Amino acid sequence: MPETRVVDNPAESRYELWADEKLAGFARYNQRGELTVFTHTEIDDAFGGQGLGKVLAAGALDDVVARGRTIVPVCPFIAGYLKKNPGYEDHVRWPSE
């Protein structure tokens, strides 16, 4: 697996996943008060099949929680990650709530 880092890029309203110093993917969001609404997640085809979507989701969600914000998973990938990975329940507001 490549060396990775997840960084918040507020100017672009997205968390970015960098793999071996190349942009490998992003998770786009909107800030609404104390809510961080995840709307779309994308991994570049060149980096597909390496589990990097999970790395991106974990890094982004952990950062949102560390900032004391609430996650709203509109993006199906982020929603699926949250359902499969316990520990975020106290920090999530599902879109239908």
N, C-alpha and C. Protein backbone atom coordinates (compact mmCIF):
# COMPACT_ATOMS: atom_id res chain seq x y z
N MET A 1 0.85 -1.18 0.00
CA MET A 1 0.00 0.00 0.00
C MET A 1 0.89 1.24 0.00
N PRO A 2 0.51 2.26 -0.74
CA PRO A 2 1.31 3.48 -0.79
C PRO A 2 1.26 4.23 0.55
N GLU A 3 2.22 5.12 0.76
CA GLU A 3 2.22 5.99 1.93
C GLU A 3 1.09 7.00 1.74
N THR A 4 0.22 7.12 2.73
CA THR A 4 -0.97 7.96 2.58
C THR A 4 -1.08 9.01 3.68
N ARG A 5 -1.81 10.07 3.34
CA ARG A 5 -2.21 11.07 4.34
C ARG A 5 -3.53 11.67 3.88
N VAL A 6 -4.36 12.01 4.86
CA VAL A 6 -5.65 12.65 4.61
C VAL A 6 -5.57 14.06 5.16
N VAL A 7 -5.89 15.04 4.33
CA VAL A 7 -5.83 16.44 4.75
C VAL A 7 -7.14 17.14 4.40
N ASP A 8 -7.53 18.05 5.27
CA ASP A 8 -8.71 18.87 5.01
C ASP A 8 -8.29 20.03 4.11
N ASN A 9 -9.03 20.25 3.05
CA ASN A 9 -8.80 21.39 2.16
C ASN A 9 -10.08 22.23 2.18
N PRO A 10 -10.21 23.12 3.19
CA PRO A 10 -11.45 23.88 3.31
C PRO A 10 -11.74 24.79 2.12
N ALA A 11 -10.72 25.25 1.43
CA ALA A 11 -10.94 26.11 0.25
C ALA A 11 -11.71 25.37 -0.83
N GLU A 12 -11.54 24.05 -0.90
CA GLU A 12 -12.24 23.22 -1.89
C GLU A 12 -13.41 22.45 -1.27
N SER A 13 -13.64 22.63 0.03
CA SER A 13 -14.70 21.92 0.77
C SER A 13 -14.57 20.41 0.58
N ARG A 14 -13.36 19.90 0.85
CA ARG A 14 -13.16 18.47 0.73
C ARG A 14 -11.96 18.00 1.54
N TYR A 15 -12.04 16.73 1.93
CA TYR A 15 -10.89 16.05 2.49
C TYR A 15 -10.20 15.37 1.33
N GLU A 16 -8.88 15.47 1.30
CA GLU A 16 -8.12 14.88 0.21
C GLU A 16 -7.26 13.74 0.73
N LEU A 17 -7.18 12.69 -0.06
CA LEU A 17 -6.31 11.56 0.22
C LEU A 17 -5.13 11.65 -0.72
N TRP A 18 -3.95 11.74 -0.13
CA TRP A 18 -2.71 11.78 -0.91
C TRP A 18 -2.00 10.45 -0.72
N ALA A 19 -1.61 9.83 -1.81
CA ALA A 19 -0.90 8.55 -1.79
C ALA A 19 0.40 8.72 -2.56
N ASP A 20 1.49 8.51 -1.88
CA ASP A 20 2.81 8.71 -2.50
C ASP A 20 2.89 10.08 -3.18
N GLU A 21 2.40 11.10 -2.47
CA GLU A 21 2.44 12.51 -2.91
C GLU A 21 1.60 12.80 -4.16
N LYS A 22 0.66 11.92 -4.47
CA LYS A 22 -0.27 12.16 -5.58
C LYS A 22 -1.69 12.18 -5.02
N LEU A 23 -2.52 13.09 -5.54
CA LEU A 23 -3.91 13.15 -5.12
C LEU A 23 -4.61 11.88 -5.60
N ALA A 24 -5.05 11.05 -4.65
CA ALA A 24 -5.66 9.77 -4.98
C ALA A 24 -7.18 9.80 -4.88
N GLY A 25 -7.72 10.77 -4.13
CA GLY A 25 -9.16 10.83 -3.98
C GLY A 25 -9.57 11.95 -3.06
N PHE A 26 -10.88 12.11 -2.93
CA PHE A 26 -11.40 13.17 -2.06
C PHE A 26 -12.79 12.81 -1.57
N ALA A 27 -13.16 13.44 -0.47
CA ALA A 27 -14.51 13.35 0.09
C ALA A 27 -15.03 14.78 0.22
N ARG A 28 -15.98 15.13 -0.63
CA ARG A 28 -16.52 16.49 -0.65
C ARG A 28 -17.54 16.66 0.48
N TYR A 29 -17.57 17.85 1.06
CA TYR A 29 -18.50 18.14 2.15
C TYR A 29 -19.01 19.57 2.09
N ASN A 30 -20.08 19.82 2.83
CA ASN A 30 -20.61 21.17 3.07
C ASN A 30 -20.66 21.36 4.58
N GLN A 31 -20.32 22.54 5.04
CA GLN A 31 -20.43 22.87 6.47
C GLN A 31 -21.75 23.61 6.66
N ARG A 32 -22.55 23.14 7.61
CA ARG A 32 -23.82 23.80 7.95
C ARG A 32 -23.90 23.89 9.46
N GLY A 33 -23.54 25.04 10.01
CA GLY A 33 -23.50 25.16 11.46
C GLY A 33 -22.49 24.18 12.02
N GLU A 34 -22.93 23.32 12.96
CA GLU A 34 -22.03 22.33 13.55
C GLU A 34 -22.00 21.03 12.74
N LEU A 35 -22.70 21.00 11.61
CA LEU A 35 -22.78 19.80 10.79
C LEU A 35 -21.74 19.80 9.67
N THR A 36 -21.15 18.63 9.43
CA THR A 36 -20.33 18.41 8.25
C THR A 36 -21.07 17.39 7.40
N VAL A 37 -21.60 17.85 6.27
CA VAL A 37 -22.44 17.02 5.40
C VAL A 37 -21.57 16.47 4.27
N PHE A 38 -21.32 15.16 4.29
CA PHE A 38 -20.53 14.52 3.23
C PHE A 38 -21.44 14.23 2.04
N THR A 39 -21.07 14.74 0.87
CA THR A 39 -21.93 14.64 -0.31
C THR A 39 -21.41 13.72 -1.40
N HIS A 40 -20.09 13.52 -1.47
CA HIS A 40 -19.54 12.71 -2.56
C HIS A 40 -18.12 12.28 -2.20
N THR A 41 -17.81 11.03 -2.48
CA THR A 41 -16.46 10.49 -2.27
C THR A 41 -16.00 9.86 -3.57
N GLU A 42 -14.75 10.10 -3.91
CA GLU A 42 -14.22 9.60 -5.18
C GLU A 42 -12.75 9.21 -5.02
N ILE A 43 -12.41 8.04 -5.54
CA ILE A 43 -11.01 7.58 -5.61
C ILE A 43 -10.65 7.48 -7.08
N ASP A 44 -9.51 8.05 -7.43
CA ASP A 44 -9.02 7.99 -8.81
C ASP A 44 -8.87 6.53 -9.24
N ASP A 45 -9.25 6.24 -10.47
CA ASP A 45 -9.17 4.86 -10.98
C ASP A 45 -7.78 4.27 -10.84
N ALA A 46 -6.75 5.08 -10.95
CA ALA A 46 -5.37 4.59 -10.85
C ALA A 46 -5.07 4.04 -9.46
N PHE A 47 -5.88 4.40 -8.46
CA PHE A 47 -5.65 3.96 -7.09
C PHE A 47 -6.74 3.01 -6.60
N GLY A 48 -7.61 2.57 -7.50
CA GLY A 48 -8.71 1.69 -7.12
C GLY A 48 -8.25 0.33 -6.66
N GLY A 49 -9.08 -0.34 -5.87
CA GLY A 49 -8.82 -1.70 -5.43
C GLY A 49 -7.76 -1.85 -4.37
N GLN A 50 -7.35 -0.74 -3.75
CA GLN A 50 -6.30 -0.79 -2.73
C GLN A 50 -6.82 -0.49 -1.33
N GLY A 51 -8.13 -0.33 -1.20
CA GLY A 51 -8.70 -0.01 0.11
C GLY A 51 -8.53 1.43 0.52
N LEU A 52 -8.19 2.29 -0.43
CA LEU A 52 -7.92 3.68 -0.09
C LEU A 52 -9.18 4.47 0.23
N GLY A 53 -10.32 4.04 -0.25
CA GLY A 53 -11.57 4.70 0.12
C GLY A 53 -11.80 4.61 1.62
N LYS A 54 -11.48 3.46 2.20
CA LYS A 54 -11.62 3.28 3.64
C LYS A 54 -10.64 4.17 4.40
N VAL A 55 -9.44 4.30 3.88
CA VAL A 55 -8.43 5.17 4.51
C VAL A 55 -8.92 6.61 4.50
N LEU A 56 -9.47 7.04 3.36
CA LEU A 56 -10.00 8.39 3.24
C LEU A 56 -11.17 8.61 4.19
N ALA A 57 -12.11 7.68 4.22
CA ALA A 57 -13.27 7.82 5.10
C ALA A 57 -12.84 7.90 6.56
N ALA A 58 -11.98 7.01 6.99
CA ALA A 58 -11.54 7.01 8.39
C ALA A 58 -10.84 8.32 8.75
N GLY A 59 -9.95 8.78 7.89
CA GLY A 59 -9.23 10.02 8.17
C GLY A 59 -10.15 11.22 8.25
N ALA A 60 -11.09 11.31 7.31
CA ALA A 60 -12.02 12.44 7.28
C ALA A 60 -12.95 12.40 8.48
N LEU A 61 -13.54 11.25 8.75
CA LEU A 61 -14.49 11.14 9.86
C LEU A 61 -13.82 11.36 11.20
N ASP A 62 -12.62 10.83 11.38
CA ASP A 62 -11.90 11.04 12.64
C ASP A 62 -11.61 12.52 12.85
N ASP A 63 -11.29 13.24 11.79
CA ASP A 63 -11.02 14.67 11.91
C ASP A 63 -12.29 15.43 12.29
N VAL A 64 -13.40 15.09 11.67
CA VAL A 64 -14.67 15.76 11.99
C VAL A 64 -15.02 15.54 13.46
N VAL A 65 -14.87 14.32 13.94
CA VAL A 65 -15.15 14.00 15.35
C VAL A 65 -14.21 14.77 16.27
N ALA A 66 -12.93 14.82 15.92
CA ALA A 66 -11.94 15.53 16.75
C ALA A 66 -12.26 17.01 16.86
N ARG A 67 -12.91 17.56 15.86
CA ARG A 67 -13.29 18.98 15.87
C ARG A 67 -14.62 19.21 16.59
N GLY A 68 -15.24 18.14 17.07
CA GLY A 68 -16.49 18.27 17.81
C GLY A 68 -17.70 18.54 16.92
N ARG A 69 -17.58 18.20 15.65
CA ARG A 69 -18.67 18.44 14.70
C ARG A 69 -19.51 17.17 14.55
N THR A 70 -20.64 17.29 13.90
CA THR A 70 -21.54 16.17 13.66
C THR A 70 -21.49 15.78 12.19
N ILE A 71 -21.40 14.49 11.93
CA ILE A 71 -21.33 13.93 10.58
C ILE A 71 -22.74 13.72 10.03
N VAL A 72 -22.98 14.17 8.80
CA VAL A 72 -24.23 13.86 8.09
C VAL A 72 -23.83 13.14 6.80
N PRO A 73 -24.06 11.83 6.72
CA PRO A 73 -23.60 11.04 5.58
C PRO A 73 -24.61 10.97 4.44
N VAL A 74 -24.64 11.98 3.58
CA VAL A 74 -25.47 11.94 2.38
C VAL A 74 -24.81 11.04 1.33
N CYS A 75 -23.50 11.05 1.27
CA CYS A 75 -22.74 10.22 0.34
C CYS A 75 -22.92 8.73 0.69
N PRO A 76 -23.33 7.90 -0.27
CA PRO A 76 -23.54 6.48 0.01
C PRO A 76 -22.29 5.76 0.51
N PHE A 77 -21.11 6.14 0.02
CA PHE A 77 -19.89 5.47 0.48
C PHE A 77 -19.64 5.76 1.95
N ILE A 78 -19.74 7.03 2.34
CA ILE A 78 -19.53 7.40 3.75
C ILE A 78 -20.59 6.74 4.63
N ALA A 79 -21.84 6.72 4.18
CA ALA A 79 -22.91 6.07 4.94
C ALA A 79 -22.59 4.58 5.14
N GLY A 80 -22.15 3.92 4.08
CA GLY A 80 -21.81 2.51 4.17
C GLY A 80 -20.65 2.26 5.11
N TYR A 81 -19.65 3.13 5.07
CA TYR A 81 -18.50 3.00 5.96
C TYR A 81 -18.96 3.12 7.42
N LEU A 82 -19.81 4.09 7.70
CA LEU A 82 -20.30 4.29 9.07
C LEU A 82 -21.08 3.08 9.56
N LYS A 83 -21.86 2.46 8.70
CA LYS A 83 -22.65 1.29 9.10
C LYS A 83 -21.76 0.08 9.40
N LYS A 84 -20.61 0.00 8.75
CA LYS A 84 -19.71 -1.14 8.92
C LYS A 84 -18.64 -0.92 9.99
N ASN A 85 -18.49 0.31 10.44
CA ASN A 85 -17.42 0.64 11.39
C ASN A 85 -17.99 1.35 12.61
N PRO A 86 -18.24 0.59 13.68
CA PRO A 86 -18.81 1.20 14.88
C PRO A 86 -17.85 2.19 15.53
N GLY A 87 -18.43 3.04 16.36
CA GLY A 87 -17.63 4.00 17.10
C GLY A 87 -17.97 5.44 16.78
N TYR A 88 -18.72 5.64 15.73
CA TYR A 88 -19.08 7.01 15.33
C TYR A 88 -20.52 7.37 15.70
N GLU A 89 -21.27 6.43 16.27
CA GLU A 89 -22.71 6.61 16.47
C GLU A 89 -23.08 7.92 17.17
N ASP A 90 -22.30 8.32 18.15
CA ASP A 90 -22.61 9.54 18.91
C ASP A 90 -22.33 10.81 18.12
N HIS A 91 -21.75 10.67 16.95
CA HIS A 91 -21.32 11.83 16.16
C HIS A 91 -22.01 11.91 14.80
N VAL A 92 -23.07 11.10 14.61
CA VAL A 92 -23.73 11.03 13.30
C VAL A 92 -25.18 11.48 13.41
N ARG A 93 -25.60 12.26 12.45
CA ARG A 93 -27.03 12.57 12.26
C ARG A 93 -27.37 12.06 10.86
N TRP A 94 -28.17 11.02 10.81
CA TRP A 94 -28.54 10.45 9.51
C TRP A 94 -29.45 11.43 8.77
N PRO A 95 -29.36 11.51 7.46
CA PRO A 95 -30.11 12.51 6.68
C PRO A 95 -31.61 12.52 6.95
N SER A 96 -32.20 11.39 7.31
CA SER A 96 -33.65 11.34 7.55
C SER A 96 -34.04 11.84 8.93
N GLU A 97 -33.06 12.14 9.78
CA GLU A 97 -33.37 12.59 11.15
C GLU A 97 -33.66 14.06 11.20
